[in-house]
Amino acid sequence: MKIVRGFRLLVLGLILCVPLTVLAMGLEDAKQQGLVGEQLNGYLGLVVNNAAAKKLITEINQKRKQKYEELAKQNGVPLSTISKLAGQKAIKKTPPGQYIQNTSGQWVKK
């Protein structure tokens, strides 16, 4: 009886922990798991449909856009120019084995 109860508590604990680990997913984790990748436009894209990764992408892309807007304003250039340059830089920095968007818009492992 104690074994069954202990097993149930273990399973319950695992069920409760899974959402926490998914929510705590960081960008590097998501990239290493192949869930997200760098796009040519300077923003992150969703490689695999995953709710936690999608939420992460939304948050990071909002921050990136704010930074790109600041840089565009400071340098008197269009936002698209800054975001494209950032995309090129991010793709160049992406380590082998992680996903990037190619010129055809497809996800490929670098």
PDB file of N, CA and C in Angstrom:
ATOM      1  N   MET A   1       0.810  -1.189   0.000  1.00  0.00           N
ATOM      2  CA  MET A   1       0.000   0.000   0.000  1.00  0.00           C
ATOM      3  C   MET A   1       0.857   1.258   0.000  1.00  0.00           C
ATOM      4  N   LYS A   2       1.930   1.261   0.799  1.00  0.00           N
ATOM      5  CA  LYS A   2       2.814   2.431   0.860  1.00  0.00           C
ATOM      6  C   LYS A   2       3.519   2.646  -0.471  1.00  0.00           C
ATOM      7  N   ILE A   3       3.850   1.546  -1.159  1.00  0.00           N
ATOM      8  CA  ILE A   3       4.547   1.663  -2.448  1.00  0.00           C
ATOM      9  C   ILE A   3       3.632   2.341  -3.471  1.00  0.00           C
ATOM     10  N   VAL A   4       2.378   1.922  -3.531  1.00  0.00           N
ATOM     11  CA  VAL A   4       1.421   2.513  -4.468  1.00  0.00           C
ATOM     12  C   VAL A   4       1.233   3.989  -4.172  1.00  0.00           C
ATOM     13  N   ARG A   5       1.079   4.331  -2.919  1.00  0.00           N
ATOM     14  CA  ARG A   5       0.907   5.733  -2.535  1.00  0.00           C
ATOM     15  C   ARG A   5       2.148   6.551  -2.914  1.00  0.00           C
ATOM     16  N   GLY A   6       3.334   5.995  -2.644  1.00  0.00           N
ATOM     17  CA  GLY A   6       4.581   6.676  -2.999  1.00  0.00           C
ATOM     18  C   GLY A   6       4.705   6.875  -4.494  1.00  0.00           C
ATOM     19  N   PHE A   7       4.295   5.867  -5.264  1.00  0.00           N
ATOM     20  CA  PHE A   7       4.333   5.955  -6.719  1.00  0.00           C
ATOM     21  C   PHE A   7       3.389   7.047  -7.212  1.00  0.00           C
ATOM     22  N   ARG A   8       2.189   7.096  -6.646  1.00  0.00           N
ATOM     23  CA  ARG A   8       1.221   8.130  -7.036  1.00  0.00           C
ATOM     24  C   ARG A   8       1.759   9.526  -6.736  1.00  0.00           C
ATOM     25  N   LEU A   9       2.401   9.671  -5.596  1.00  0.00           N
ATOM     26  CA  LEU A   9       2.979  10.976  -5.253  1.00  0.00           C
ATOM     27  C   LEU A   9       4.106  11.338  -6.216  1.00  0.00           C
ATOM     28  N   LEU A  10       4.903  10.353  -6.602  1.00  0.00           N
ATOM     29  CA  LEU A  10       5.997  10.589  -7.555  1.00  0.00           C
ATOM     30  C   LEU A  10       5.435  11.040  -8.904  1.00  0.00           C
ATOM     31  N   VAL A  11       4.415  10.329  -9.385  1.00  0.00           N
ATOM     32  CA  VAL A  11       3.789  10.682 -10.670  1.00  0.00           C
ATOM     33  C   VAL A  11       3.179  12.079 -10.601  1.00  0.00           C
ATOM     34  N   LEU A  12       2.475  12.370  -9.528  1.00  0.00           N
ATOM     35  CA  LEU A  12       1.887  13.693  -9.352  1.00  0.00           C
ATOM     36  C   LEU A  12       2.972  14.771  -9.347  1.00  0.00           C
ATOM     37  N   GLY A  13       4.060  14.496  -8.652  1.00  0.00           N
ATOM     38  CA  GLY A  13       5.176  15.443  -8.619  1.00  0.00           C
ATOM     39  C   GLY A  13       5.756  15.687  -9.997  1.00  0.00           C
ATOM     40  N   LEU A  14       5.890  14.628 -10.793  1.00  0.00           N
ATOM     41  CA  LEU A  14       6.410  14.779 -12.153  1.00  0.00           C
ATOM     42  C   LEU A  14       5.458  15.583 -13.022  1.00  0.00           C
ATOM     43  N   ILE A  15       4.162  15.318 -12.874  1.00  0.00           N
ATOM     44  CA  ILE A  15       3.168  16.060 -13.651  1.00  0.00           C
ATOM     45  C   ILE A  15       3.208  17.544 -13.312  1.00  0.00           C
ATOM     46  N   LEU A  16       3.358  17.848 -12.051  1.00  0.00           N
ATOM     47  CA  LEU A  16       3.400  19.249 -11.632  1.00  0.00           C
ATOM     48  C   LEU A  16       4.694  19.927 -12.056  1.00  0.00           C
ATOM     49  N   CYS A  17       5.785  19.193 -12.140  1.00  0.00           N
ATOM     50  CA  CYS A  17       7.074  19.782 -12.501  1.00  0.00           C
ATOM     51  C   CYS A  17       7.209  20.064 -13.992  1.00  0.00           C
ATOM     52  N   VAL A  18       6.571  19.267 -14.831  1.00  0.00           N
ATOM     53  CA  VAL A  18       6.725  19.425 -16.275  1.00  0.00           C
ATOM     54  C   VAL A  18       6.334  20.820 -16.742  1.00  0.00           C
ATOM     55  N   PRO A  19       5.168  21.356 -16.370  1.00  0.00           N
ATOM     56  CA  PRO A  19       4.843  22.706 -16.831  1.00  0.00           C
ATOM     57  C   PRO A  19       5.847  23.752 -16.352  1.00  0.00           C
ATOM     58  N   LEU A  20       6.381  23.574 -15.169  1.00  0.00           N
ATOM     59  CA  LEU A  20       7.355  24.542 -14.663  1.00  0.00           C
ATOM     60  C   LEU A  20       8.620  24.533 -15.496  1.00  0.00           C
ATOM     61  N   THR A  21       9.094  23.352 -15.884  1.00  0.00           N
ATOM     62  CA  THR A  21      10.313  23.298 -16.692  1.00  0.00           C
ATOM     63  C   THR A  21      10.064  23.862 -18.081  1.00  0.00           C
ATOM     64  N   VAL A  22       8.882  23.631 -18.633  1.00  0.00           N
ATOM     65  CA  VAL A  22       8.563  24.174 -19.950  1.00  0.00           C
ATOM     66  C   VAL A  22       8.510  25.691 -19.885  1.00  0.00           C
ATOM     67  N   LEU A  23       7.880  26.238 -18.841  1.00  0.00           N
ATOM     68  CA  LEU A  23       7.795  27.687 -18.712  1.00  0.00           C
ATOM     69  C   LEU A  23       9.160  28.317 -18.476  1.00  0.00           C
ATOM     70  N   ALA A  24      10.036  27.578 -17.826  1.00  0.00           N
ATOM     71  CA  ALA A  24      11.349  28.110 -17.519  1.00  0.00           C
ATOM     72  C   ALA A  24      12.320  27.950 -18.689  1.00  0.00           C
ATOM     73  N   MET A  25      11.827  27.458 -19.808  1.00  0.00           N
ATOM     74  CA  MET A  25      12.684  27.242 -20.968  1.00  0.00           C
ATOM     75  C   MET A  25      13.343  28.551 -21.387  1.00  0.00           C
ATOM     76  N   GLY A  26      14.632  28.511 -21.572  1.00  0.00           N
ATOM     77  CA  GLY A  26      15.353  29.672 -22.036  1.00  0.00           C
ATOM     78  C   GLY A  26      15.614  29.582 -23.527  1.00  0.00           C
ATOM     79  N   LEU A  27      16.111  30.645 -24.083  1.00  0.00           N
ATOM     80  CA  LEU A  27      16.368  30.694 -25.519  1.00  0.00           C
ATOM     81  C   LEU A  27      17.368  29.628 -25.949  1.00  0.00           C
ATOM     82  N   GLU A  28      18.458  29.490 -25.212  1.00  0.00           N
ATOM     83  CA  GLU A  28      19.468  28.504 -25.594  1.00  0.00           C
ATOM     84  C   GLU A  28      18.914  27.090 -25.544  1.00  0.00           C
ATOM     85  N   ASP A  29      18.103  26.796 -24.524  1.00  0.00           N
ATOM     86  CA  ASP A  29      17.468  25.481 -24.434  1.00  0.00           C
ATOM     87  C   ASP A  29      16.580  25.231 -25.651  1.00  0.00           C
ATOM     88  N   ALA A  30      15.780  26.222 -25.988  1.00  0.00           N
ATOM     89  CA  ALA A  30      14.857  26.087 -27.111  1.00  0.00           C
ATOM     90  C   ALA A  30      15.614  25.897 -28.428  1.00  0.00           C
ATOM     91  N   LYS A  31      16.717  26.608 -28.588  1.00  0.00           N
ATOM     92  CA  LYS A  31      17.521  26.458 -29.802  1.00  0.00           C
ATOM     93  C   LYS A  31      18.181  25.084 -29.847  1.00  0.00           C
ATOM     94  N   GLN A  32      18.741  24.644 -28.731  1.00  0.00           N
ATOM     95  CA  GLN A  32      19.407  23.343 -28.685  1.00  0.00           C
ATOM     96  C   GLN A  32      18.429  22.194 -28.914  1.00  0.00           C
ATOM     97  N   GLN A  33      17.187  22.380 -28.494  1.00  0.00           N
ATOM     98  CA  GLN A  33      16.165  21.348 -28.697  1.00  0.00           C
ATOM     99  C   GLN A  33      15.573  21.394 -30.107  1.00  0.00           C
ATOM    100  N   GLY A  34      15.972  22.388 -30.893  1.00  0.00           N
ATOM    101  CA  GLY A  34      15.477  22.505 -32.256  1.00  0.00           C
ATOM    102  C   GLY A  34      14.061  23.041 -32.358  1.00  0.00           C
ATOM    103  N   LEU A  35      13.623  23.765 -31.340  1.00  0.00           N
ATOM    104  CA  LEU A  35      12.268  24.306 -31.334  1.00  0.00           C
ATOM    105  C   LEU A  35      12.181  25.661 -32.024  1.00  0.00           C
ATOM    106  N   VAL A  36      13.246  26.450 -31.932  1.00  0.00           N
ATOM    107  CA  VAL A  36      13.272  27.789 -32.525  1.00  0.00           C
ATOM    108  C   VAL A  36      14.558  27.979 -33.309  1.00  0.00           C
ATOM    109  N   GLY A  37      14.521  28.954 -34.200  1.00  0.00           N
ATOM    110  CA  GLY A  37      15.705  29.257 -34.979  1.00  0.00           C
ATOM    111  C   GLY A  37      15.748  30.727 -35.349  1.00  0.00           C
ATOM    112  N   GLU A  38      16.888  31.131 -35.867  1.00  0.00           N
ATOM    113  CA  GLU A  38      17.080  32.520 -36.293  1.00  0.00           C
ATOM    114  C   GLU A  38      16.599  32.689 -37.724  1.00  0.00           C
ATOM    115  N   GLN A  39      15.859  33.766 -37.952  1.00  0.00           N
ATOM    116  CA  GLN A  39      15.344  34.083 -39.276  1.00  0.00           C
ATOM    117  C   GLN A  39      16.172  35.189 -39.919  1.00  0.00           C
ATOM    118  N   LEU A  40      16.070  35.289 -41.220  1.00  0.00           N
ATOM    119  CA  LEU A  40      16.792  36.310 -41.972  1.00  0.00           C
ATOM    120  C   LEU A  40      16.350  37.725 -41.610  1.00  0.00           C
ATOM    121  N   ASN A  41      15.127  37.863 -41.101  1.00  0.00           N
ATOM    122  CA  ASN A  41      14.588  39.188 -40.796  1.00  0.00           C
ATOM    123  C   ASN A  41      14.992  39.709 -39.416  1.00  0.00           C
ATOM    124  N   GLY A  42      15.850  38.957 -38.697  1.00  0.00           N
ATOM    125  CA  GLY A  42      16.332  39.422 -37.402  1.00  0.00           C
ATOM    126  C   GLY A  42      15.500  38.977 -36.218  1.00  0.00           C
ATOM    127  N   TYR A  43      14.484  38.199 -36.480  1.00  0.00           N
ATOM    128  CA  TYR A  43      13.617  37.722 -35.414  1.00  0.00           C
ATOM    129  C   TYR A  43      13.695  36.203 -35.312  1.00  0.00           C
ATOM    130  N   LEU A  44      13.264  35.684 -34.169  1.00  0.00           N
ATOM    131  CA  LEU A  44      13.208  34.247 -33.971  1.00  0.00           C
ATOM    132  C   LEU A  44      11.981  33.685 -34.661  1.00  0.00           C
ATOM    133  N   GLY A  45      12.089  32.438 -35.093  1.00  0.00           N
ATOM    134  CA  GLY A  45      10.956  31.763 -35.692  1.00  0.00           C
ATOM    135  C   GLY A  45      10.732  30.417 -35.034  1.00  0.00           C
ATOM    136  N   LEU A  46       9.533  29.915 -35.157  1.00  0.00           N
ATOM    137  CA  LEU A  46       9.136  28.647 -34.569  1.00  0.00           C
ATOM    138  C   LEU A  46       9.430  27.524 -35.565  1.00  0.00           C
ATOM    139  N   VAL A  47      10.337  26.627 -35.187  1.00  0.00           N
ATOM    140  CA  VAL A  47      10.698  25.500 -36.043  1.00  0.00           C
ATOM    141  C   VAL A  47       9.716  24.348 -35.812  1.00  0.00           C
ATOM    142  N   VAL A  48       9.389  24.101 -34.544  1.00  0.00           N
ATOM    143  CA  VAL A  48       8.466  23.035 -34.150  1.00  0.00           C
ATOM    144  C   VAL A  48       7.334  23.671 -33.351  1.00  0.00           C
ATOM    145  N   ASN A  49       6.107  23.282 -33.655  1.00  0.00           N
ATOM    146  CA  ASN A  49       4.962  23.844 -32.950  1.00  0.00           C
ATOM    147  C   ASN A  49       5.009  23.438 -31.478  1.00  0.00           C
ATOM    148  N   ASN A  50       5.282  24.402 -30.616  1.00  0.00           N
ATOM    149  CA  ASN A  50       5.403  24.175 -29.182  1.00  0.00           C
ATOM    150  C   ASN A  50       4.943  25.450 -28.479  1.00  0.00           C
ATOM    151  N   ALA A  51       3.977  25.305 -27.580  1.00  0.00           N
ATOM    152  CA  ALA A  51       3.377  26.475 -26.932  1.00  0.00           C
ATOM    153  C   ALA A  51       4.391  27.280 -26.125  1.00  0.00           C
ATOM    154  N   ALA A  52       5.246  26.592 -25.367  1.00  0.00           N
ATOM    155  CA  ALA A  52       6.229  27.299 -24.540  1.00  0.00           C
ATOM    156  C   ALA A  52       7.239  28.034 -25.422  1.00  0.00           C
ATOM    157  N   ALA A  53       7.663  27.396 -26.497  1.00  0.00           N
ATOM    158  CA  ALA A  53       8.613  28.032 -27.406  1.00  0.00           C
ATOM    159  C   ALA A  53       7.971  29.227 -28.104  1.00  0.00           C
ATOM    160  N   LYS A  54       6.709  29.093 -28.456  1.00  0.00           N
ATOM    161  CA  LYS A  54       5.993  30.201 -29.108  1.00  0.00           C
ATOM    162  C   LYS A  54       5.914  31.411 -28.179  1.00  0.00           C
ATOM    163  N   LYS A  55       5.616  31.158 -26.918  1.00  0.00           N
ATOM    164  CA  LYS A  55       5.543  32.244 -25.932  1.00  0.00           C
ATOM    165  C   LYS A  55       6.919  32.910 -25.787  1.00  0.00           C
ATOM    166  N   LEU A  56       7.944  32.100 -25.713  1.00  0.00           N
ATOM    167  CA  LEU A  56       9.316  32.604 -25.598  1.00  0.00           C
ATOM    168  C   LEU A  56       9.674  33.481 -26.795  1.00  0.00           C
ATOM    169  N   ILE A  57       9.342  33.011 -27.984  1.00  0.00           N
ATOM    170  CA  ILE A  57       9.620  33.761 -29.212  1.00  0.00           C
ATOM    171  C   ILE A  57       8.919  35.118 -29.191  1.00  0.00           C
ATOM    172  N   THR A  58       7.668  35.115 -28.790  1.00  0.00           N
ATOM    173  CA  THR A  58       6.897  36.371 -28.746  1.00  0.00           C
ATOM    174  C   THR A  58       7.568  37.382 -27.827  1.00  0.00           C
ATOM    175  N   GLU A  59       7.959  36.936 -26.648  1.00  0.00           N
ATOM    176  CA  GLU A  59       8.600  37.831 -25.675  1.00  0.00           C
ATOM    177  C   GLU A  59       9.934  38.363 -26.196  1.00  0.00           C
ATOM    178  N   ILE A  60      10.748  37.483 -26.736  1.00  0.00           N
ATOM    179  CA  ILE A  60      12.074  37.907 -27.208  1.00  0.00           C
ATOM    180  C   ILE A  60      11.955  38.793 -28.444  1.00  0.00           C
ATOM    181  N   ASN A  61      11.067  38.442 -29.360  1.00  0.00           N
ATOM    182  CA  ASN A  61      10.908  39.260 -30.573  1.00  0.00           C
ATOM    183  C   ASN A  61      10.394  40.664 -30.261  1.00  0.00           C
ATOM    184  N   GLN A  62       9.567  40.803 -29.234  1.00  0.00           N
ATOM    185  CA  GLN A  62       9.114  42.144 -28.827  1.00  0.00           C
ATOM    186  C   GLN A  62      10.305  42.974 -28.343  1.00  0.00           C
ATOM    187  N   LYS A  63      11.176  42.353 -27.564  1.00  0.00           N
ATOM    188  CA  LYS A  63      12.369  43.053 -27.064  1.00  0.00           C
ATOM    189  C   LYS A  63      13.318  43.387 -28.201  1.00  0.00           C
ATOM    190  N   ARG A  64      13.475  42.453 -29.115  1.00  0.00           N
ATOM    191  CA  ARG A  64      14.344  42.719 -30.266  1.00  0.00           C
ATOM    192  C   ARG A  64      13.813  43.890 -31.081  1.00  0.00           C
ATOM    193  N   LYS A  65      12.509  43.903 -31.314  1.00  0.00           N
ATOM    194  CA  LYS A  65      11.921  44.982 -32.110  1.00  0.00           C
ATOM    195  C   LYS A  65      12.152  46.334 -31.450  1.00  0.00           C
ATOM    196  N   GLN A  66      11.988  46.395 -30.137  1.00  0.00           N
ATOM    197  CA  GLN A  66      12.230  47.659 -29.421  1.00  0.00           C
ATOM    198  C   GLN A  66      13.675  48.114 -29.630  1.00  0.00           C
ATOM    199  N   LYS A  67      14.605  47.190 -29.514  1.00  0.00           N
ATOM    200  CA  LYS A  67      16.026  47.530 -29.685  1.00  0.00           C
ATOM    201  C   LYS A  67      16.301  47.970 -31.124  1.00  0.00           C
ATOM    202  N   TYR A  68      15.736  47.240 -32.086  1.00  0.00           N
ATOM    203  CA  TYR A  68      15.925  47.597 -33.494  1.00  0.00           C
ATOM    204  C   TYR A  68      15.365  48.993 -33.790  1.00  0.00           C
ATOM    205  N   GLU A  69      14.206  49.312 -33.204  1.00  0.00           N
ATOM    206  CA  GLU A  69      13.608  50.629 -33.408  1.00  0.00           C
ATOM    207  C   GLU A  69      14.507  51.732 -32.851  1.00  0.00           C
ATOM    208  N   GLU A  70      15.089  51.488 -31.672  1.00  0.00           N
ATOM    209  CA  GLU A  70      16.020  52.458 -31.085  1.00  0.00           C
ATOM    210  C   GLU A  70      17.218  52.685 -32.003  1.00  0.00           C
ATOM    211  N   LEU A  71      17.799  51.586 -32.488  1.00  0.00           N
ATOM    212  CA  LEU A  71      18.975  51.692 -33.361  1.00  0.00           C
ATOM    213  C   LEU A  71      18.641  52.375 -34.685  1.00  0.00           C
ATOM    214  N   ALA A  72      17.468  52.063 -35.228  1.00  0.00           N
ATOM    215  CA  ALA A  72      17.038  52.684 -36.485  1.00  0.00           C
ATOM    216  C   ALA A  72      16.888  54.187 -36.307  1.00  0.00           C
ATOM    217  N   LYS A  73      16.280  54.583 -35.202  1.00  0.00           N
ATOM    218  CA  LYS A  73      16.077  56.009 -34.923  1.00  0.00           C
ATOM    219  C   LYS A  73      17.420  56.711 -34.722  1.00  0.00           C
ATOM    220  N   GLN A  74      18.314  56.100 -33.939  1.00  0.00           N
ATOM    221  CA  GLN A  74      19.633  56.697 -33.672  1.00  0.00           C
ATOM    222  C   GLN A  74      20.445  56.879 -34.944  1.00  0.00           C
ATOM    223  N   ASN A  75      20.299  55.933 -35.877  1.00  0.00           N
ATOM    224  CA  ASN A  75      21.114  55.959 -37.089  1.00  0.00           C
ATOM    225  C   ASN A  75      20.396  56.507 -38.305  1.00  0.00           C
ATOM    226  N   GLY A  76      19.129  56.882 -38.142  1.00  0.00           N
ATOM    227  CA  GLY A  76      18.377  57.465 -39.252  1.00  0.00           C
ATOM    228  C   GLY A  76      18.188  56.520 -40.422  1.00  0.00           C
ATOM    229  N   VAL A  77      17.974  55.256 -40.129  1.00  0.00           N
ATOM    230  CA  VAL A  77      17.759  54.266 -41.185  1.00  0.00           C
ATOM    231  C   VAL A  77      16.448  53.530 -40.917  1.00  0.00           C
ATOM    232  N   PRO A  78      15.901  52.893 -41.942  1.00  0.00           N
ATOM    233  CA  PRO A  78      14.647  52.157 -41.744  1.00  0.00           C
ATOM    234  C   PRO A  78      14.824  50.972 -40.780  1.00  0.00           C
ATOM    235  N   LEU A  79      13.750  50.645 -40.101  1.00  0.00           N
ATOM    236  CA  LEU A  79      13.736  49.502 -39.197  1.00  0.00           C
ATOM    237  C   LEU A  79      14.134  48.218 -39.922  1.00  0.00           C
ATOM    238  N   SER A  80      13.668  48.058 -41.153  1.00  0.00           N
ATOM    239  CA  SER A  80      13.960  46.848 -41.932  1.00  0.00           C
ATOM    240  C   SER A  80      15.462  46.675 -42.170  1.00  0.00           C
ATOM    241  N   THR A  81      16.174  47.782 -42.317  1.00  0.00           N
ATOM    242  CA  THR A  81      17.631  47.710 -42.512  1.00  0.00           C
ATOM    243  C   THR A  81      18.305  47.147 -41.269  1.00  0.00           C
ATOM    244  N   ILE A  82      17.906  47.648 -40.120  1.00  0.00           N
ATOM    245  CA  ILE A  82      18.489  47.182 -38.859  1.00  0.00           C
ATOM    246  C   ILE A  82      18.148  45.719 -38.617  1.00  0.00           C
ATOM    247  N   SER A  83      16.882  45.354 -38.828  1.00  0.00           N
ATOM    248  CA  SER A  83      16.485  43.972 -38.550  1.00  0.00           C
ATOM    249  C   SER A  83      17.172  42.984 -39.492  1.00  0.00           C
ATOM    250  N   LYS A  84      17.352  43.346 -40.746  1.00  0.00           N
ATOM    251  CA  LYS A  84      18.055  42.465 -41.690  1.00  0.00           C
ATOM    252  C   LYS A  84      19.522  42.292 -41.293  1.00  0.00           C
ATOM    253  N   LEU A  85      20.158  43.388 -40.893  1.00  0.00           N
ATOM    254  CA  LEU A  85      21.554  43.292 -40.447  1.00  0.00           C
ATOM    255  C   LEU A  85      21.659  42.423 -39.195  1.00  0.00           C
ATOM    256  N   ALA A  86      20.717  42.587 -38.287  1.00  0.00           N
ATOM    257  CA  ALA A  86      20.699  41.783 -37.067  1.00  0.00           C
ATOM    258  C   ALA A  86      20.489  40.308 -37.405  1.00  0.00           C
ATOM    259  N   GLY A  87      19.635  40.036 -38.378  1.00  0.00           N
ATOM    260  CA  GLY A  87      19.398  38.662 -38.805  1.00  0.00           C
ATOM    261  C   GLY A  87      20.645  38.014 -39.372  1.00  0.00           C
ATOM    262  N   GLN A  88      21.365  38.754 -40.197  1.00  0.00           N
ATOM    263  CA  GLN A  88      22.616  38.240 -40.765  1.00  0.00           C
ATOM    264  C   GLN A  88      23.627  37.927 -39.666  1.00  0.00           C
ATOM    265  N   LYS A  89      23.717  38.842 -38.716  1.00  0.00           N
ATOM    266  CA  LYS A  89      24.655  38.674 -37.607  1.00  0.00           C
ATOM    267  C   LYS A  89      24.272  37.467 -36.736  1.00  0.00           C
ATOM    268  N   ALA A  90      22.978  37.331 -36.436  1.00  0.00           N
ATOM    269  CA  ALA A  90      22.504  36.231 -35.595  1.00  0.00           C
ATOM    270  C   ALA A  90      22.736  34.884 -36.280  1.00  0.00           C
ATOM    271  N   ILE A  91      22.488  34.832 -37.573  1.00  0.00           N
ATOM    272  CA  ILE A  91      22.690  33.587 -38.323  1.00  0.00           C
ATOM    273  C   ILE A  91      24.174  33.233 -38.360  1.00  0.00           C
ATOM    274  N   LYS A  92      25.006  34.237 -38.528  1.00  0.00           N
ATOM    275  CA  LYS A  92      26.452  33.996 -38.550  1.00  0.00           C
ATOM    276  C   LYS A  92      26.938  33.448 -37.200  1.00  0.00           C
ATOM    277  N   LYS A  93      26.356  33.952 -36.098  1.00  0.00           N
ATOM    278  CA  LYS A  93      26.752  33.536 -34.751  1.00  0.00           C
ATOM    279  C   LYS A  93      26.142  32.197 -34.322  1.00  0.00           C
ATOM    280  N   THR A  94      25.137  31.734 -35.041  1.00  0.00           N
ATOM    281  CA  THR A  94      24.457  30.493 -34.656  1.00  0.00           C
ATOM    282  C   THR A  94      25.423  29.315 -34.757  1.00  0.00           C
ATOM    283  N   PRO A  95      25.537  28.540 -33.683  1.00  0.00           N
ATOM    284  CA  PRO A  95      26.448  27.386 -33.707  1.00  0.00           C
ATOM    285  C   PRO A  95      25.936  26.262 -34.613  1.00  0.00           C
ATOM    286  N   PRO A  96      26.844  25.424 -35.105  1.00  0.00           N
ATOM    287  CA  PRO A  96      26.430  24.276 -35.912  1.00  0.00           C
ATOM    288  C   PRO A  96      25.449  23.392 -35.137  1.00  0.00           C
ATOM    289  N   GLY A  97      24.481  22.856 -35.869  1.00  0.00           N
ATOM    290  CA  GLY A  97      23.493  21.975 -35.264  1.00  0.00           C
ATOM    291  C   GLY A  97      22.200  22.666 -34.892  1.00  0.00           C
ATOM    292  N   GLN A  98      22.203  24.001 -34.873  1.00  0.00           N
ATOM    293  CA  GLN A  98      20.978  24.740 -34.572  1.00  0.00           C
ATOM    294  C   GLN A  98      20.348  25.213 -35.876  1.00  0.00           C
ATOM    295  N   TYR A  99      19.063  25.557 -35.799  1.00  0.00           N
ATOM    296  CA  TYR A  99      18.315  25.914 -37.002  1.00  0.00           C
ATOM    297  C   TYR A  99      18.431  27.393 -37.373  1.00  0.00           C
ATOM    298  N   ILE A 100      18.530  27.592 -38.691  1.00  0.00           N
ATOM    299  CA  ILE A 100      18.500  28.928 -39.283  1.00  0.00           C
ATOM    300  C   ILE A 100      17.561  28.884 -40.489  1.00  0.00           C
ATOM    301  N   GLN A 101      17.104  30.037 -40.873  1.00  0.00           N
ATOM    302  CA  GLN A 101      16.246  30.138 -42.049  1.00  0.00           C
ATOM    303  C   GLN A 101      17.124  30.399 -43.268  1.00  0.00           C
ATOM    304  N   ASN A 102      16.947  29.624 -44.323  1.00  0.00           N
ATOM    305  CA  ASN A 102      17.741  29.879 -45.532  1.00  0.00           C
ATOM    306  C   ASN A 102      17.022  30.907 -46.413  1.00  0.00           C
ATOM    307  N   THR A 103      17.609  31.239 -47.521  1.00  0.00           N
ATOM    308  CA  THR A 103      17.062  32.285 -48.398  1.00  0.00           C
ATOM    309  C   THR A 103      15.727  31.879 -49.028  1.00  0.00           C
ATOM    310  N   SER A 104      15.416  30.583 -49.017  1.00  0.00           N
ATOM    311  CA  SER A 104      14.125  30.100 -49.524  1.00  0.00           C
ATOM    312  C   SER A 104      13.058  30.118 -48.432  1.00  0.00           C
ATOM    313  N   GLY A 105      13.450  30.490 -47.208  1.00  0.00           N
ATOM    314  CA  GLY A 105      12.509  30.534 -46.101  1.00  0.00           C
ATOM    315  C   GLY A 105      12.335  29.206 -45.378  1.00  0.00           C
ATOM    316  N   GLN A 106      13.176  28.222 -45.721  1.00  0.00           N
ATOM    317  CA  GLN A 106      13.089  26.915 -45.077  1.00  0.00           C
ATOM    318  C   GLN A 106      14.033  26.841 -43.894  1.00  0.00           C
ATOM    319  N   TRP A 107      13.676  25.984 -42.916  1.00  0.00           N
ATOM    320  CA  TRP A 107      14.534  25.763 -41.763  1.00  0.00           C
ATOM    321  C   TRP A 107      15.563  24.707 -42.095  1.00  0.00           C
ATOM    322  N   VAL A 108      16.819  25.034 -41.856  1.00  0.00           N
ATOM    323  CA  VAL A 108      17.911  24.088 -42.086  1.00  0.00           C
ATOM    324  C   VAL A 108      18.844  24.124 -40.872  1.00  0.00           C
ATOM    325  N   LYS A 109      19.468  22.984 -40.604  1.00  0.00           N
ATOM    326  CA  LYS A 109      20.467  22.962 -39.538  1.00  0.00           C
ATOM    327  C   LYS A 109      21.749  23.555 -40.082  1.00  0.00           C
ATOM    328  N   LYS A 110      22.335  24.411 -39.304  1.00  0.00           N
ATOM    329  CA  LYS A 110      23.581  25.045 -39.719  1.00  0.00           C
ATOM    330  C   LYS A 110      24.712  24.048 -39.563  1.00  0.00           C
TER     331      LYS A 110
END
